[in-house]
Amino acid sequence: MENTVSPTKSGVLYGVLFGIIMILEFVVSYVLDIDPIKNSSIGIVMNVFNYLIFPILFIYIGCNNYKNKLNLGFITFGECLKIGVSICALAGLLYGLFSGAFGLIFPEFTEEILRKTKDVMLAKNPDMPSEQIEMALSWTKKFMNPAIAIPFTIAMFAFLGLVYSLIIGAIMKKENPQSF
């Protein structure tokens, strides 16, 4: 009988770590009053880390951990997909739940974001009609609702995990010659 280890074991660990890092980044930026809306360079750096560097890094580390420490040096393409999607979906779940809870605990945070968004929109386009501004703000407010934001965050991160896992899986896969 073959002893198999689930890829989820590697995915859960790194998914939780990725989620905690994004939560800490959120808390630190809030406590230090770092505003990624008004300071677009900070926003760009945060987005590059959260949507590009961290997912690729944690998927690679998760797949490498599974391949070398849990599965005797072998990993299939499908196992890479499972690991990557589970890492990113779990991180998205943790981050979505935290940001949803944060918005419910501190409702002034949501209003502050809407106010800052309106200020940036007016600064970039002072001739924008008020109806267009209100429509944009209403959509922003809808997407900040936890019932929409949490599933959307999970789906978005799961999709990113899928895309990055396809690439990493194609590079890292090493089939066990004894399996069929």
N, C-alpha and C. Protein backbone atom coordinates (compact mmCIF):
# COMPACT_ATOMS: atom_id res chain seq x y z
N MET A 1 0.84 -1.19 0.00
CA MET A 1 0.00 0.00 0.00
C MET A 1 0.89 1.25 0.00
N GLU A 2 0.55 2.21 -0.85
CA GLU A 2 1.36 3.40 -1.02
C GLU A 2 0.96 4.46 0.02
N ASN A 3 1.94 5.07 0.64
CA ASN A 3 1.70 6.11 1.63
C ASN A 3 1.71 7.46 0.90
N THR A 4 0.55 8.10 0.81
CA THR A 4 0.48 9.38 0.11
C THR A 4 0.19 10.50 1.09
N VAL A 5 0.77 11.63 0.82
CA VAL A 5 0.55 12.83 1.64
C VAL A 5 -0.24 13.81 0.79
N SER A 6 -1.26 14.40 1.39
CA SER A 6 -2.11 15.34 0.66
C SER A 6 -1.35 16.65 0.39
N PRO A 7 -1.50 17.21 -0.80
CA PRO A 7 -0.89 18.50 -1.10
C PRO A 7 -1.45 19.62 -0.22
N THR A 8 -2.64 19.39 0.33
CA THR A 8 -3.27 20.40 1.17
C THR A 8 -2.44 20.70 2.41
N LYS A 9 -1.70 19.71 2.89
CA LYS A 9 -0.87 19.91 4.08
C LYS A 9 0.12 21.05 3.85
N SER A 10 0.71 21.10 2.70
CA SER A 10 1.64 22.17 2.37
C SER A 10 0.89 23.46 2.06
N GLY A 11 -0.26 23.33 1.41
CA GLY A 11 -1.02 24.52 1.01
C GLY A 11 -1.58 25.30 2.18
N VAL A 12 -2.07 24.60 3.20
CA VAL A 12 -2.69 25.27 4.34
C VAL A 12 -1.67 26.11 5.10
N LEU A 13 -0.51 25.55 5.36
CA LEU A 13 0.52 26.26 6.11
C LEU A 13 0.89 27.58 5.42
N TYR A 14 1.18 27.51 4.14
CA TYR A 14 1.63 28.70 3.44
C TYR A 14 0.47 29.65 3.10
N GLY A 15 -0.73 29.13 2.98
CA GLY A 15 -1.90 29.99 2.79
C GLY A 15 -2.18 30.83 4.02
N VAL A 16 -2.09 30.22 5.19
CA VAL A 16 -2.29 30.95 6.45
C VAL A 16 -1.19 32.00 6.61
N LEU A 17 0.03 31.64 6.32
CA LEU A 17 1.15 32.58 6.42
C LEU A 17 0.96 33.76 5.47
N PHE A 18 0.58 33.48 4.24
CA PHE A 18 0.33 34.54 3.25
C PHE A 18 -0.81 35.45 3.72
N GLY A 19 -1.89 34.87 4.23
CA GLY A 19 -3.01 35.67 4.73
C GLY A 19 -2.61 36.54 5.90
N ILE A 20 -1.83 36.00 6.82
CA ILE A 20 -1.39 36.78 7.99
C ILE A 20 -0.49 37.93 7.56
N ILE A 21 0.36 37.70 6.58
CA ILE A 21 1.23 38.78 6.10
C ILE A 21 0.40 39.91 5.49
N MET A 22 -0.63 39.57 4.71
CA MET A 22 -1.47 40.62 4.13
C MET A 22 -2.25 41.36 5.21
N ILE A 23 -2.70 40.65 6.24
CA ILE A 23 -3.41 41.29 7.35
C ILE A 23 -2.47 42.24 8.10
N LEU A 24 -1.25 41.79 8.36
CA LEU A 24 -0.28 42.65 9.04
C LEU A 24 0.05 43.89 8.21
N GLU A 25 0.16 43.70 6.92
CA GLU A 25 0.41 44.84 6.03
C GLU A 25 -0.74 45.85 6.12
N PHE A 26 -1.97 45.34 6.14
CA PHE A 26 -3.16 46.20 6.27
C PHE A 26 -3.13 46.96 7.60
N VAL A 27 -2.88 46.24 8.70
CA VAL A 27 -2.89 46.85 10.03
C VAL A 27 -1.78 47.88 10.15
N VAL A 28 -0.58 47.55 9.69
CA VAL A 28 0.54 48.50 9.78
C VAL A 28 0.24 49.76 8.98
N SER A 29 -0.30 49.60 7.77
CA SER A 29 -0.61 50.79 6.97
C SER A 29 -1.72 51.62 7.62
N TYR A 30 -2.65 50.97 8.30
CA TYR A 30 -3.73 51.71 8.98
C TYR A 30 -3.18 52.43 10.20
N VAL A 31 -2.38 51.73 11.02
CA VAL A 31 -1.86 52.32 12.25
C VAL A 31 -0.90 53.48 11.94
N LEU A 32 -0.07 53.31 10.92
CA LEU A 32 0.89 54.36 10.55
C LEU A 32 0.28 55.42 9.64
N ASP A 33 -1.00 55.27 9.34
CA ASP A 33 -1.74 56.20 8.49
C ASP A 33 -1.08 56.35 7.12
N ILE A 34 -0.68 55.22 6.56
CA ILE A 34 -0.13 55.19 5.21
C ILE A 34 -1.31 55.04 4.26
N ASP A 35 -1.48 55.98 3.38
CA ASP A 35 -2.66 56.01 2.53
C ASP A 35 -2.31 55.62 1.10
N PRO A 36 -2.62 54.37 0.71
CA PRO A 36 -2.31 53.96 -0.67
C PRO A 36 -3.21 54.60 -1.72
N ILE A 37 -4.29 55.25 -1.29
CA ILE A 37 -5.17 55.91 -2.25
C ILE A 37 -4.56 57.24 -2.69
N LYS A 38 -4.12 58.05 -1.73
CA LYS A 38 -3.54 59.34 -2.07
C LYS A 38 -2.09 59.24 -2.50
N ASN A 39 -1.35 58.30 -1.94
CA ASN A 39 0.04 58.09 -2.31
C ASN A 39 0.09 56.86 -3.21
N SER A 40 -0.04 57.10 -4.49
CA SER A 40 -0.19 55.98 -5.43
C SER A 40 1.04 55.08 -5.50
N SER A 41 2.23 55.62 -5.23
CA SER A 41 3.41 54.76 -5.28
C SER A 41 3.38 53.71 -4.18
N ILE A 42 2.89 54.07 -3.01
CA ILE A 42 2.72 53.08 -1.92
C ILE A 42 1.68 52.05 -2.34
N GLY A 43 0.59 52.49 -2.94
CA GLY A 43 -0.46 51.58 -3.40
C GLY A 43 0.06 50.61 -4.45
N ILE A 44 0.89 51.10 -5.35
CA ILE A 44 1.45 50.24 -6.39
C ILE A 44 2.36 49.19 -5.77
N VAL A 45 3.21 49.60 -4.83
CA VAL A 45 4.12 48.66 -4.17
C VAL A 45 3.32 47.60 -3.41
N MET A 46 2.29 48.01 -2.67
CA MET A 46 1.47 47.06 -1.92
C MET A 46 0.77 46.08 -2.87
N ASN A 47 0.26 46.57 -3.98
CA ASN A 47 -0.41 45.70 -4.94
C ASN A 47 0.56 44.73 -5.61
N VAL A 48 1.75 45.20 -5.94
CA VAL A 48 2.74 44.32 -6.55
C VAL A 48 3.10 43.19 -5.59
N PHE A 49 3.26 43.52 -4.32
CA PHE A 49 3.56 42.47 -3.34
C PHE A 49 2.38 41.52 -3.16
N ASN A 50 1.17 42.05 -2.98
CA ASN A 50 0.01 41.21 -2.67
C ASN A 50 -0.49 40.39 -3.85
N TYR A 51 -0.34 40.88 -5.06
CA TYR A 51 -0.91 40.20 -6.21
C TYR A 51 0.12 39.56 -7.13
N LEU A 52 1.40 39.81 -6.90
CA LEU A 52 2.42 39.23 -7.78
C LEU A 52 3.50 38.50 -6.97
N ILE A 53 4.23 39.23 -6.16
CA ILE A 53 5.39 38.64 -5.48
C ILE A 53 4.99 37.61 -4.44
N PHE A 54 4.11 37.97 -3.50
CA PHE A 54 3.73 37.02 -2.44
C PHE A 54 3.06 35.76 -2.99
N PRO A 55 2.08 35.87 -3.90
CA PRO A 55 1.49 34.62 -4.39
C PRO A 55 2.51 33.70 -5.07
N ILE A 56 3.33 34.26 -5.93
CA ILE A 56 4.33 33.44 -6.62
C ILE A 56 5.30 32.84 -5.62
N LEU A 57 5.75 33.63 -4.66
CA LEU A 57 6.69 33.15 -3.66
C LEU A 57 6.09 32.02 -2.83
N PHE A 58 4.88 32.21 -2.32
CA PHE A 58 4.29 31.20 -1.45
C PHE A 58 3.87 29.95 -2.22
N ILE A 59 3.45 30.11 -3.46
CA ILE A 59 3.13 28.93 -4.26
C ILE A 59 4.41 28.14 -4.54
N TYR A 60 5.46 28.83 -4.90
CA TYR A 60 6.74 28.14 -5.15
C TYR A 60 7.22 27.43 -3.89
N ILE A 61 7.20 28.14 -2.76
CA ILE A 61 7.67 27.53 -1.51
C ILE A 61 6.78 26.35 -1.12
N GLY A 62 5.46 26.50 -1.28
CA GLY A 62 4.53 25.41 -0.95
C GLY A 62 4.75 24.19 -1.83
N CYS A 63 4.92 24.40 -3.13
CA CYS A 63 5.16 23.28 -4.04
C CYS A 63 6.51 22.64 -3.77
N ASN A 64 7.51 23.45 -3.53
CA ASN A 64 8.85 22.94 -3.24
C ASN A 64 8.86 22.15 -1.94
N ASN A 65 8.15 22.65 -0.93
CA ASN A 65 8.05 21.94 0.35
C ASN A 65 7.38 20.59 0.16
N TYR A 66 6.29 20.57 -0.59
CA TYR A 66 5.59 19.31 -0.83
C TYR A 66 6.47 18.34 -1.61
N LYS A 67 7.10 18.86 -2.64
CA LYS A 67 7.92 18.00 -3.50
C LYS A 67 9.11 17.41 -2.74
N ASN A 68 9.85 18.23 -2.03
CA ASN A 68 11.11 17.78 -1.44
C ASN A 68 11.00 17.23 -0.03
N LYS A 69 10.02 17.69 0.74
CA LYS A 69 9.95 17.25 2.13
C LYS A 69 8.81 16.28 2.40
N LEU A 70 7.77 16.31 1.60
CA LEU A 70 6.60 15.48 1.89
C LEU A 70 6.37 14.37 0.86
N ASN A 71 6.94 14.49 -0.34
CA ASN A 71 6.59 13.55 -1.40
C ASN A 71 7.82 12.95 -2.11
N LEU A 72 8.90 12.81 -1.41
CA LEU A 72 10.08 12.10 -1.91
C LEU A 72 10.65 12.66 -3.21
N GLY A 73 10.54 13.97 -3.42
CA GLY A 73 11.13 14.59 -4.60
C GLY A 73 10.25 14.60 -5.83
N PHE A 74 8.98 14.21 -5.70
CA PHE A 74 8.08 14.17 -6.85
C PHE A 74 6.89 15.08 -6.62
N ILE A 75 6.42 15.70 -7.70
CA ILE A 75 5.20 16.51 -7.65
C ILE A 75 4.58 16.50 -9.05
N THR A 76 3.30 16.31 -9.11
CA THR A 76 2.62 16.33 -10.40
C THR A 76 2.10 17.74 -10.68
N PHE A 77 1.73 17.95 -11.91
CA PHE A 77 1.16 19.23 -12.31
C PHE A 77 -0.12 19.52 -11.51
N GLY A 78 -0.96 18.51 -11.35
CA GLY A 78 -2.21 18.66 -10.61
C GLY A 78 -1.98 18.98 -9.14
N GLU A 79 -0.96 18.40 -8.56
CA GLU A 79 -0.65 18.71 -7.16
C GLU A 79 -0.19 20.15 -7.01
N CYS A 80 0.57 20.65 -7.98
CA CYS A 80 0.97 22.06 -7.96
C CYS A 80 -0.26 22.97 -8.04
N LEU A 81 -1.22 22.59 -8.88
CA LEU A 81 -2.45 23.39 -8.98
C LEU A 81 -3.21 23.38 -7.66
N LYS A 82 -3.33 22.21 -7.05
CA LYS A 82 -4.04 22.13 -5.76
C LYS A 82 -3.36 22.98 -4.70
N ILE A 83 -2.05 22.89 -4.64
CA ILE A 83 -1.31 23.65 -3.64
C ILE A 83 -1.46 25.15 -3.88
N GLY A 84 -1.25 25.59 -5.11
CA GLY A 84 -1.31 27.02 -5.42
C GLY A 84 -2.68 27.63 -5.21
N VAL A 85 -3.70 26.94 -5.68
CA VAL A 85 -5.06 27.47 -5.51
C VAL A 85 -5.45 27.47 -4.03
N SER A 86 -5.07 26.41 -3.30
CA SER A 86 -5.43 26.38 -1.88
C SER A 86 -4.69 27.46 -1.09
N ILE A 87 -3.43 27.70 -1.42
CA ILE A 87 -2.68 28.76 -0.74
C ILE A 87 -3.35 30.11 -0.96
N CYS A 88 -3.63 30.43 -2.20
CA CYS A 88 -4.18 31.75 -2.51
C CYS A 88 -5.63 31.89 -2.05
N ALA A 89 -6.43 30.85 -2.18
CA ALA A 89 -7.83 30.93 -1.73
C ALA A 89 -7.89 31.08 -0.22
N LEU A 90 -7.06 30.36 0.51
CA LEU A 90 -7.04 30.48 1.97
C LEU A 90 -6.56 31.87 2.40
N ALA A 91 -5.53 32.38 1.74
CA ALA A 91 -5.05 33.72 2.04
C ALA A 91 -6.13 34.75 1.75
N GLY A 92 -6.84 34.58 0.62
CA GLY A 92 -7.94 35.49 0.29
C GLY A 92 -9.06 35.41 1.30
N LEU A 93 -9.37 34.20 1.78
CA LEU A 93 -10.40 34.03 2.80
C LEU A 93 -10.02 34.76 4.09
N LEU A 94 -8.81 34.55 4.55
CA LEU A 94 -8.36 35.20 5.78
C LEU A 94 -8.38 36.72 5.64
N TYR A 95 -7.83 37.21 4.53
CA TYR A 95 -7.78 38.65 4.31
C TYR A 95 -9.19 39.23 4.15
N GLY A 96 -10.05 38.53 3.42
CA GLY A 96 -11.42 39.00 3.23
C GLY A 96 -12.19 39.04 4.53
N LEU A 97 -12.07 37.99 5.34
CA LEU A 97 -12.75 37.97 6.65
C LEU A 97 -12.23 39.09 7.55
N PHE A 98 -10.92 39.29 7.56
CA PHE A 98 -10.36 40.35 8.39
C PHE A 98 -10.83 41.73 7.93
N SER A 99 -10.74 42.00 6.63
CA SER A 99 -11.13 43.32 6.16
C SER A 99 -12.63 43.55 6.33
N GLY A 100 -13.43 42.49 6.17
CA GLY A 100 -14.87 42.62 6.42
C GLY A 100 -15.16 42.92 7.87
N ALA A 101 -14.50 42.20 8.78
CA ALA A 101 -14.68 42.44 10.21
C ALA A 101 -14.18 43.83 10.59
N PHE A 102 -13.06 44.24 10.00
CA PHE A 102 -12.50 45.55 10.28
C PHE A 102 -13.48 46.65 9.87
N GLY A 103 -14.09 46.49 8.71
CA GLY A 103 -15.07 47.47 8.25
C GLY A 103 -16.31 47.52 9.11
N LEU A 104 -16.71 46.38 9.68
CA LEU A 104 -17.87 46.36 10.56
C LEU A 104 -17.54 46.94 11.94
N ILE A 105 -16.33 46.68 12.43
CA ILE A 105 -15.92 47.19 13.74
C ILE A 105 -15.65 48.69 13.67
N PHE A 106 -15.04 49.12 12.58
CA PHE A 106 -14.72 50.54 12.39
C PHE A 106 -15.43 51.08 11.16
N PRO A 107 -16.73 51.39 11.26
CA PRO A 107 -17.47 51.86 10.07
C PRO A 107 -16.94 53.19 9.53
N GLU A 108 -16.26 53.96 10.37
CA GLU A 108 -15.69 55.21 9.90
C GLU A 108 -14.58 54.96 8.87
N PHE A 109 -13.96 53.79 8.92
CA PHE A 109 -12.92 53.43 7.96
C PHE A 109 -13.50 53.40 6.55
N THR A 110 -14.68 52.80 6.39
CA THR A 110 -15.33 52.73 5.08
C THR A 110 -15.66 54.13 4.58
N GLU A 111 -16.21 54.96 5.45
CA GLU A 111 -16.54 56.33 5.05
C GLU A 111 -15.29 57.13 4.69
N GLU A 112 -14.20 56.88 5.41
CA GLU A 112 -12.94 57.57 5.11
C GLU A 112 -12.42 57.16 3.73
N ILE A 113 -12.50 55.89 3.41
CA ILE A 113 -12.06 55.43 2.09
C ILE A 113 -12.91 56.04 0.99
N LEU A 114 -14.22 56.09 1.21
CA LEU A 114 -15.10 56.69 0.20
C LEU A 114 -14.79 58.18 0.02
N ARG A 115 -14.53 58.87 1.12
CA ARG A 115 -14.19 60.29 1.03
C ARG A 115 -12.87 60.49 0.29
N LYS A 116 -11.86 59.68 0.61
CA LYS A 116 -10.57 59.80 -0.06
C LYS A 116 -10.68 59.44 -1.54
N THR A 117 -11.49 58.45 -1.86
CA THR A 117 -11.70 58.07 -3.25
C THR A 117 -12.33 59.22 -4.02
N LYS A 118 -13.31 59.85 -3.42
CA LYS A 118 -13.97 61.00 -4.06
C LYS A 118 -12.98 62.14 -4.27
N ASP A 119 -12.15 62.41 -3.27
CA ASP A 119 -11.15 63.49 -3.38
C ASP A 119 -10.16 63.21 -4.52
N VAL A 120 -9.71 61.97 -4.63
CA VAL A 120 -8.77 61.60 -5.69
C VAL A 120 -9.44 61.71 -7.05
N MET A 121 -10.70 61.26 -7.16
CA MET A 121 -11.43 61.35 -8.43
C MET A 121 -11.58 62.81 -8.86
N LEU A 122 -11.91 63.69 -7.92
CA LEU A 122 -12.06 65.11 -8.25
C LEU A 122 -10.72 65.77 -8.58
N ALA A 123 -9.66 65.34 -7.91
CA ALA A 123 -8.34 65.91 -8.19
C ALA A 123 -7.85 65.51 -9.58
N LYS A 124 -8.13 64.26 -9.98
CA LYS A 124 -7.68 63.80 -11.29
C LYS A 124 -8.56 64.31 -12.42
N ASN A 125 -9.83 64.52 -12.14
CA ASN A 125 -10.76 64.98 -13.17
C ASN A 125 -11.76 65.95 -12.54
N PRO A 126 -11.37 67.22 -12.42
CA PRO A 126 -12.25 68.19 -11.73
C PRO A 126 -13.57 68.45 -12.47
N ASP A 127 -13.64 68.14 -13.74
CA ASP A 127 -14.86 68.39 -14.51
C ASP A 127 -15.82 67.20 -14.51
N MET A 128 -15.54 66.18 -13.71
CA MET A 128 -16.38 64.99 -13.68
C MET A 128 -17.77 65.34 -13.13
N PRO A 129 -18.82 64.95 -13.83
CA PRO A 129 -20.17 65.25 -13.35
C PRO A 129 -20.46 64.57 -12.01
N SER A 130 -21.27 65.22 -11.19
CA SER A 130 -21.56 64.69 -9.86
C SER A 130 -22.30 63.36 -9.92
N GLU A 131 -23.12 63.15 -10.98
CA GLU A 131 -23.81 61.87 -11.12
C GLU A 131 -22.81 60.73 -11.33
N GLN A 132 -21.78 60.99 -12.12
CA GLN A 132 -20.76 59.98 -12.38
C GLN A 132 -19.96 59.68 -11.10
N ILE A 133 -19.67 60.70 -10.33
CA ILE A 133 -18.96 60.51 -9.07
C ILE A 133 -19.79 59.67 -8.11
N GLU A 134 -21.07 60.01 -7.99
CA GLU A 134 -21.95 59.26 -7.09
C GLU A 134 -22.11 57.81 -7.53
N MET A 135 -22.17 57.58 -8.83
CA MET A 135 -22.29 56.22 -9.33
C MET A 135 -21.03 55.42 -9.00
N ALA A 136 -19.87 56.03 -9.21
CA ALA A 136 -18.60 55.36 -8.90
C ALA A 136 -18.50 55.06 -7.41
N LEU A 137 -18.90 56.00 -6.58
CA LEU A 137 -18.84 55.79 -5.14
C LEU A 137 -19.84 54.73 -4.68
N SER A 138 -21.00 54.67 -5.33
CA SER A 138 -21.98 53.65 -4.95
C SER A 138 -21.45 52.25 -5.29
N TRP A 139 -20.77 52.12 -6.43
CA TRP A 139 -20.16 50.83 -6.78
C TRP A 139 -19.05 50.47 -5.82
N THR A 140 -18.26 51.46 -5.45
CA THR A 140 -17.18 51.23 -4.48
C THR A 140 -17.76 50.76 -3.16
N LYS A 141 -18.83 51.40 -2.72
CA LYS A 141 -19.46 51.02 -1.45
C LYS A 141 -20.05 49.61 -1.53
N LYS A 142 -20.64 49.25 -2.68
CA LYS A 142 -21.18 47.89 -2.84
C LYS A 142 -20.09 46.85 -2.72
N PHE A 143 -18.93 47.12 -3.33
CA PHE A 143 -17.84 46.16 -3.27
C PHE A 143 -17.14 46.14 -1.92
N MET A 144 -17.40 47.11 -1.07
CA MET A 144 -16.85 47.10 0.28
C MET A 144 -17.77 46.36 1.26
N ASN A 145 -18.98 46.01 0.82
CA ASN A 145 -19.89 45.23 1.64
C ASN A 145 -19.29 43.84 1.83
N PRO A 146 -19.16 43.37 3.09
CA PRO A 146 -18.52 42.06 3.33
C PRO A 146 -19.18 40.91 2.57
N ALA A 147 -20.48 40.96 2.35
CA ALA A 147 -21.16 39.88 1.64
C ALA A 147 -20.70 39.78 0.19
N ILE A 148 -20.22 40.85 -0.36
CA ILE A 148 -19.69 40.85 -1.72
C ILE A 148 -18.17 40.78 -1.71
N ALA A 149 -17.55 41.52 -0.80
CA ALA A 149 -16.08 41.62 -0.77
C ALA A 149 -15.41 40.30 -0.44
N ILE A 150 -15.94 39.55 0.51
CA ILE A 150 -15.28 38.30 0.92
C ILE A 150 -15.29 37.28 -0.21
N PRO A 151 -16.45 36.95 -0.80
CA PRO A 151 -16.40 35.99 -1.92
C PRO A 151 -15.58 36.48 -3.11
N PHE A 152 -15.66 37.78 -3.39
CA PHE A 152 -14.89 38.34 -4.50
C PHE A 152 -13.39 38.22 -4.23
N THR A 153 -12.97 38.49 -3.00
CA THR A 153 -11.56 38.39 -2.63
C THR A 153 -11.07 36.95 -2.76
N ILE A 154 -11.88 36.00 -2.27
CA ILE A 154 -11.51 34.59 -2.38
C ILE A 154 -11.38 34.18 -3.84
N ALA A 155 -12.38 34.55 -4.65
CA ALA A 155 -12.37 34.18 -6.07
C ALA A 155 -11.19 34.81 -6.80
N MET A 156 -10.91 36.07 -6.50
CA MET A 156 -9.80 36.76 -7.17
C MET A 156 -8.46 36.11 -6.83
N PHE A 157 -8.25 35.83 -5.53
CA PHE A 157 -6.99 35.21 -5.15
C PHE A 157 -6.89 33.77 -5.65
N ALA A 158 -8.01 33.05 -5.67
CA ALA A 158 -8.00 31.68 -6.21
C ALA A 158 -7.64 31.70 -7.69
N PHE A 159 -8.17 32.67 -8.43
CA PHE A 159 -7.83 32.79 -9.85
C PHE A 159 -6.35 33.10 -10.03
N LEU A 160 -5.83 34.03 -9.22
CA LEU A 160 -4.39 34.33 -9.29
C LEU A 160 -3.57 33.09 -8.96
N GLY A 161 -4.02 32.34 -7.95
CA GLY A 161 -3.33 31.10 -7.59
C GLY A 161 -3.35 30.10 -8.72
N LEU A 162 -4.46 30.03 -9.44
CA LEU A 162 -4.56 29.11 -10.57
C LEU A 162 -3.57 29.49 -11.67
N VAL A 163 -3.54 30.76 -12.01
CA VAL A 163 -2.65 31.22 -13.08
C VAL A 163 -1.19 31.00 -12.71
N TYR A 164 -0.81 31.42 -11.50
CA TYR A 164 0.58 31.26 -11.09
C TYR A 164 0.94 29.79 -10.91
N SER A 165 -0.01 28.97 -10.45
CA SER A 165 0.24 27.54 -10.27
C SER A 165 0.45 26.83 -11.61
N LEU A 166 -0.25 27.29 -12.63
CA LEU A 166 -0.05 26.71 -13.95
C LEU A 166 1.40 26.91 -14.40
N ILE A 167 1.90 28.10 -14.18
CA ILE A 167 3.27 28.41 -14.58
C ILE A 167 4.28 27.66 -13.71
N ILE A 168 4.10 27.75 -12.40
CA ILE A 168 5.03 27.09 -11.48
C ILE A 168 4.96 25.58 -11.63
N GLY A 169 3.75 25.04 -11.81
CA GLY A 169 3.58 23.60 -11.98
C GLY A 169 4.27 23.08 -13.24
N ALA A 170 4.20 23.88 -14.30
CA ALA A 170 4.86 23.47 -15.55
C ALA A 170 6.38 23.42 -15.37
N ILE A 171 6.90 24.26 -14.52
CA ILE A 171 8.34 24.30 -14.29
C ILE A 171 8.78 23.23 -13.29
N MET A 172 8.01 23.04 -12.22
CA MET A 172 8.44 22.19 -11.11
C MET A 172 8.05 20.72 -11.22
N LYS A 173 7.11 20.39 -12.08
CA LYS A 173 6.57 19.02 -12.06
C LYS A 173 7.67 17.98 -12.29
N LYS A 174 7.54 16.92 -11.52
CA LYS A 174 8.45 15.79 -11.66
C LYS A 174 7.63 14.56 -11.28
N GLU A 175 7.20 13.85 -12.30
CA GLU A 175 6.35 12.68 -12.09
C GLU A 175 7.14 11.53 -11.48
N ASN A 176 6.49 10.79 -10.63
CA ASN A 176 7.08 9.57 -10.06
C ASN A 176 7.02 8.48 -11.12
N PRO A 177 8.15 7.95 -11.55
CA PRO A 177 8.13 6.94 -12.61
C PRO A 177 7.45 5.64 -12.20
N GLN A 178 7.30 5.41 -10.92
CA GLN A 178 6.65 4.17 -10.45
C GLN A 178 5.15 4.30 -10.33
N SER A 179 4.61 5.52 -10.44
CA SER A 179 3.15 5.69 -10.37
C SER A 179 2.57 5.54 -11.78
N PHE A 180 1.32 5.17 -11.83
CA PHE A 180 0.68 4.99 -13.14
C PHE A 180 -0.70 5.52 -13.14
